[in-house]
N, C-alpha and C. Protein backbone atom coordinates (compact mmCIF):
# COMPACT_ATOMS: atom_id res chain seq x y z
N MET A 1 126.35 83.84 116.60
CA MET A 1 125.27 83.00 116.63
C MET A 1 124.40 83.21 115.40
N ALA A 2 123.79 82.26 114.78
CA ALA A 2 122.93 82.34 113.63
C ALA A 2 121.61 83.06 114.03
N ALA A 3 120.98 83.71 113.16
CA ALA A 3 119.72 84.30 113.33
C ALA A 3 118.79 84.17 112.19
N LEU A 4 117.61 84.24 112.44
CA LEU A 4 116.54 84.15 111.34
C LEU A 4 116.16 85.60 111.02
N LYS A 5 115.93 85.74 109.74
CA LYS A 5 115.36 87.14 109.29
C LYS A 5 113.86 86.91 109.04
N VAL A 6 113.14 87.67 109.87
CA VAL A 6 111.67 87.51 110.07
C VAL A 6 110.93 88.69 109.62
N SER A 7 109.74 88.37 108.86
CA SER A 7 108.85 89.48 108.61
C SER A 7 107.43 88.90 108.89
N VAL A 8 106.53 89.80 109.45
CA VAL A 8 105.21 89.51 109.79
C VAL A 8 104.28 90.53 109.10
N ILE A 9 103.52 90.04 108.19
CA ILE A 9 102.69 91.05 107.33
C ILE A 9 101.21 90.75 107.45
N SER A 10 100.53 91.69 107.63
CA SER A 10 99.01 91.67 107.63
C SER A 10 98.59 92.58 106.33
N PRO A 11 97.19 92.38 106.16
CA PRO A 11 96.69 93.42 105.21
C PRO A 11 96.79 94.86 105.60
N GLU A 12 96.91 95.12 106.88
CA GLU A 12 96.97 96.51 107.38
C GLU A 12 98.23 97.18 107.36
N ALA A 13 99.34 96.22 107.73
CA ALA A 13 100.61 96.80 107.91
C ALA A 13 101.79 95.65 108.04
N THR A 14 102.98 96.06 107.86
CA THR A 14 104.07 95.19 108.21
C THR A 14 104.18 95.40 109.74
N LEU A 15 104.02 94.21 110.54
CA LEU A 15 104.05 94.31 111.97
C LEU A 15 105.42 94.14 112.55
N PHE A 16 106.33 93.39 111.85
CA PHE A 16 107.56 93.14 112.39
C PHE A 16 108.56 92.78 111.13
N GLU A 17 109.70 93.41 111.18
CA GLU A 17 110.79 93.10 110.30
C GLU A 17 111.99 93.19 110.94
N GLY A 18 112.69 92.07 111.10
CA GLY A 18 113.99 92.03 111.82
C GLY A 18 114.63 90.64 112.09
N GLU A 19 115.60 90.59 112.86
CA GLU A 19 116.23 89.23 113.08
C GLU A 19 115.81 88.72 114.48
N ALA A 20 115.73 87.32 114.58
CA ALA A 20 115.37 86.80 115.79
C ALA A 20 116.05 85.36 115.98
N PRO A 21 116.24 84.84 117.10
CA PRO A 21 116.85 83.56 117.22
C PRO A 21 115.95 82.40 116.93
N SER A 22 114.60 82.60 117.08
CA SER A 22 113.67 81.54 116.90
C SER A 22 112.27 82.13 116.58
N VAL A 23 111.29 81.33 116.00
CA VAL A 23 109.95 81.67 115.82
C VAL A 23 109.13 80.50 116.22
N THR A 24 108.12 80.70 116.98
CA THR A 24 106.94 79.74 117.25
C THR A 24 105.71 80.26 116.73
N ALA A 25 105.01 79.32 115.85
CA ALA A 25 103.75 79.79 115.28
C ALA A 25 102.76 78.74 115.40
N PRO A 26 101.44 79.13 115.28
CA PRO A 26 100.30 78.25 115.37
C PRO A 26 99.95 77.79 113.96
N ALA A 27 100.52 76.65 113.54
CA ALA A 27 100.20 75.99 112.31
C ALA A 27 98.71 75.44 112.26
N PHE A 28 98.12 75.16 111.14
CA PHE A 28 96.77 74.66 111.17
C PHE A 28 96.68 73.43 112.00
N ASP A 29 97.60 72.60 112.12
CA ASP A 29 97.50 71.31 112.94
C ASP A 29 98.36 71.18 114.11
N GLY A 30 98.80 72.31 114.64
CA GLY A 30 99.56 72.44 115.81
C GLY A 30 100.68 73.35 115.88
N GLU A 31 101.41 73.57 116.91
CA GLU A 31 102.39 74.56 116.93
C GLU A 31 103.76 74.08 116.27
N VAL A 32 104.37 75.11 115.51
CA VAL A 32 105.66 74.83 114.95
C VAL A 32 106.66 75.70 115.38
N GLY A 33 107.92 75.05 115.58
CA GLY A 33 109.03 76.00 116.06
C GLY A 33 110.04 76.01 114.92
N ILE A 34 110.65 77.23 114.72
CA ILE A 34 111.64 77.45 113.59
C ILE A 34 112.88 77.97 114.39
N LEU A 35 114.09 77.31 113.99
CA LEU A 35 115.25 77.78 114.50
C LEU A 35 116.21 77.74 113.24
N PRO A 36 117.42 78.48 113.25
CA PRO A 36 118.28 78.66 112.16
C PRO A 36 118.57 77.25 111.50
N MET A 37 118.81 77.27 110.27
CA MET A 37 119.04 75.98 109.55
C MET A 37 117.85 75.04 109.35
N HIS A 38 116.59 75.60 109.59
CA HIS A 38 115.40 74.78 109.45
C HIS A 38 115.26 74.44 107.96
N ALA A 39 114.73 73.32 107.77
CA ALA A 39 114.42 72.86 106.30
C ALA A 39 113.43 73.85 105.71
N PRO A 40 113.54 73.98 104.44
CA PRO A 40 112.54 74.89 103.82
C PRO A 40 111.07 74.25 103.94
N MET A 41 110.10 75.06 104.21
CA MET A 41 108.75 74.62 104.46
C MET A 41 107.73 75.77 104.09
N VAL A 42 106.52 75.34 103.89
CA VAL A 42 105.43 76.31 103.91
C VAL A 42 104.26 75.61 104.66
N THR A 43 103.68 76.32 105.57
CA THR A 43 102.42 75.76 106.27
C THR A 43 101.33 76.86 106.35
N THR A 44 100.10 76.30 106.51
CA THR A 44 98.88 77.21 106.77
C THR A 44 98.87 77.49 108.18
N LEU A 45 98.56 78.74 108.51
CA LEU A 45 98.45 79.12 110.04
C LEU A 45 97.04 78.96 110.49
N GLY A 46 96.93 78.62 111.62
CA GLY A 46 95.69 78.50 112.38
C GLY A 46 95.38 79.76 113.18
N LYS A 47 94.81 79.82 114.32
CA LYS A 47 94.54 80.85 115.26
C LYS A 47 95.39 80.59 116.43
N GLY A 48 96.17 81.61 116.94
CA GLY A 48 96.93 81.45 118.06
C GLY A 48 98.02 82.54 118.21
N VAL A 49 99.02 82.32 119.00
CA VAL A 49 100.13 83.20 119.21
C VAL A 49 101.34 82.87 118.47
N LEU A 50 101.88 83.94 117.78
CA LEU A 50 102.99 83.81 117.08
C LEU A 50 104.09 84.57 117.94
N ALA A 51 105.20 83.86 118.38
CA ALA A 51 106.23 84.42 119.13
C ALA A 51 107.48 84.34 118.40
N ILE A 52 108.25 85.61 118.42
CA ILE A 52 109.33 85.87 117.78
C ILE A 52 110.39 86.12 118.76
N GLY A 53 111.44 85.09 118.84
CA GLY A 53 112.48 85.29 119.89
C GLY A 53 111.72 85.33 121.32
N ASP A 54 112.37 85.92 122.17
CA ASP A 54 111.85 86.06 123.53
C ASP A 54 110.94 87.21 123.86
N GLY A 55 110.73 88.15 122.88
CA GLY A 55 110.01 89.37 123.19
C GLY A 55 108.78 89.66 122.40
N GLN A 56 108.81 89.49 121.01
CA GLN A 56 107.68 89.99 120.28
C GLN A 56 106.60 88.89 120.18
N ARG A 57 105.27 89.16 120.54
CA ARG A 57 104.22 88.30 120.39
C ARG A 57 103.04 88.90 119.73
N PHE A 58 102.47 88.10 118.83
CA PHE A 58 101.29 88.61 118.06
C PHE A 58 100.17 87.60 118.18
N ALA A 59 98.93 87.89 118.28
CA ALA A 59 97.80 87.13 118.01
C ALA A 59 97.57 87.04 116.57
N VAL A 60 97.57 85.91 115.90
CA VAL A 60 97.38 85.77 114.46
C VAL A 60 96.19 84.83 114.28
N GLU A 61 95.56 84.97 113.06
CA GLU A 61 94.40 84.28 112.70
C GLU A 61 94.58 84.03 111.23
N GLY A 62 94.84 82.82 110.71
CA GLY A 62 94.81 82.42 109.28
C GLY A 62 96.17 82.94 108.56
N GLY A 63 96.27 82.56 107.36
CA GLY A 63 97.51 83.06 106.60
C GLY A 63 98.36 81.86 106.29
N PHE A 64 99.75 82.21 106.13
CA PHE A 64 100.67 81.09 105.93
C PHE A 64 102.04 81.56 106.41
N LEU A 65 102.92 80.60 106.58
CA LEU A 65 104.32 80.74 107.11
C LEU A 65 105.24 80.00 106.14
N GLN A 66 106.31 80.70 105.66
CA GLN A 66 107.24 80.17 104.75
C GLN A 66 108.66 80.30 105.28
N VAL A 67 109.43 79.21 105.34
CA VAL A 67 110.85 79.16 105.73
C VAL A 67 111.60 78.72 104.46
N VAL A 68 112.56 79.63 104.15
CA VAL A 68 113.59 79.34 103.15
C VAL A 68 114.87 80.01 103.51
N ASP A 69 116.03 79.26 103.56
CA ASP A 69 117.26 79.75 103.83
C ASP A 69 117.46 80.84 104.98
N ASP A 70 116.92 80.46 106.11
CA ASP A 70 116.81 81.21 107.37
C ASP A 70 116.05 82.56 107.16
N VAL A 71 115.16 82.59 106.35
CA VAL A 71 114.22 83.71 106.14
C VAL A 71 112.77 83.18 106.41
N VAL A 72 112.19 83.75 107.45
CA VAL A 72 110.78 83.38 107.76
C VAL A 72 109.81 84.50 107.33
N ARG A 73 108.76 84.08 106.59
CA ARG A 73 107.95 85.08 106.21
C ARG A 73 106.55 84.55 106.66
N VAL A 74 105.86 85.55 107.57
CA VAL A 74 104.50 85.25 107.98
C VAL A 74 103.56 86.20 107.35
N VAL A 75 102.60 85.72 106.57
CA VAL A 75 101.55 86.48 105.95
C VAL A 75 100.24 86.05 106.49
N THR A 76 99.72 86.93 107.32
CA THR A 76 98.49 86.62 108.10
C THR A 76 97.33 87.47 107.71
N GLU A 77 95.99 86.88 107.85
CA GLU A 77 94.87 87.46 107.53
C GLU A 77 94.47 88.59 108.51
N LYS A 78 94.90 88.22 109.72
CA LYS A 78 94.51 89.16 110.91
C LYS A 78 95.56 88.93 112.03
N ALA A 79 96.06 90.12 112.49
CA ALA A 79 97.14 90.04 113.48
C ALA A 79 96.98 91.29 114.46
N SER A 80 97.44 91.08 115.68
CA SER A 80 97.49 92.22 116.58
C SER A 80 98.57 91.99 117.58
N LYS A 81 99.30 92.91 118.05
CA LYS A 81 100.38 92.74 118.81
C LYS A 81 100.00 92.56 120.31
N LEU A 82 100.64 91.65 120.91
CA LEU A 82 100.20 91.32 122.34
C LEU A 82 101.17 91.96 123.34
């Protein structure tokens, strides 16, 4: 099964680096879901919960999310593990 390569980076640390089947993130205008083969995109993040697969969850605030070739990069201004 295809997987996404995901990284979550805040100014303090890299919070997550690994593979996941999906990502759900709080975009500035609503929630966005990412699965393998997603079209390339960049969006600004709002405040909310970033979910990676079924296990990892982070409270994020601000920043951006980029998707290119099954690689998801989340760069956030503020994040903490839930």
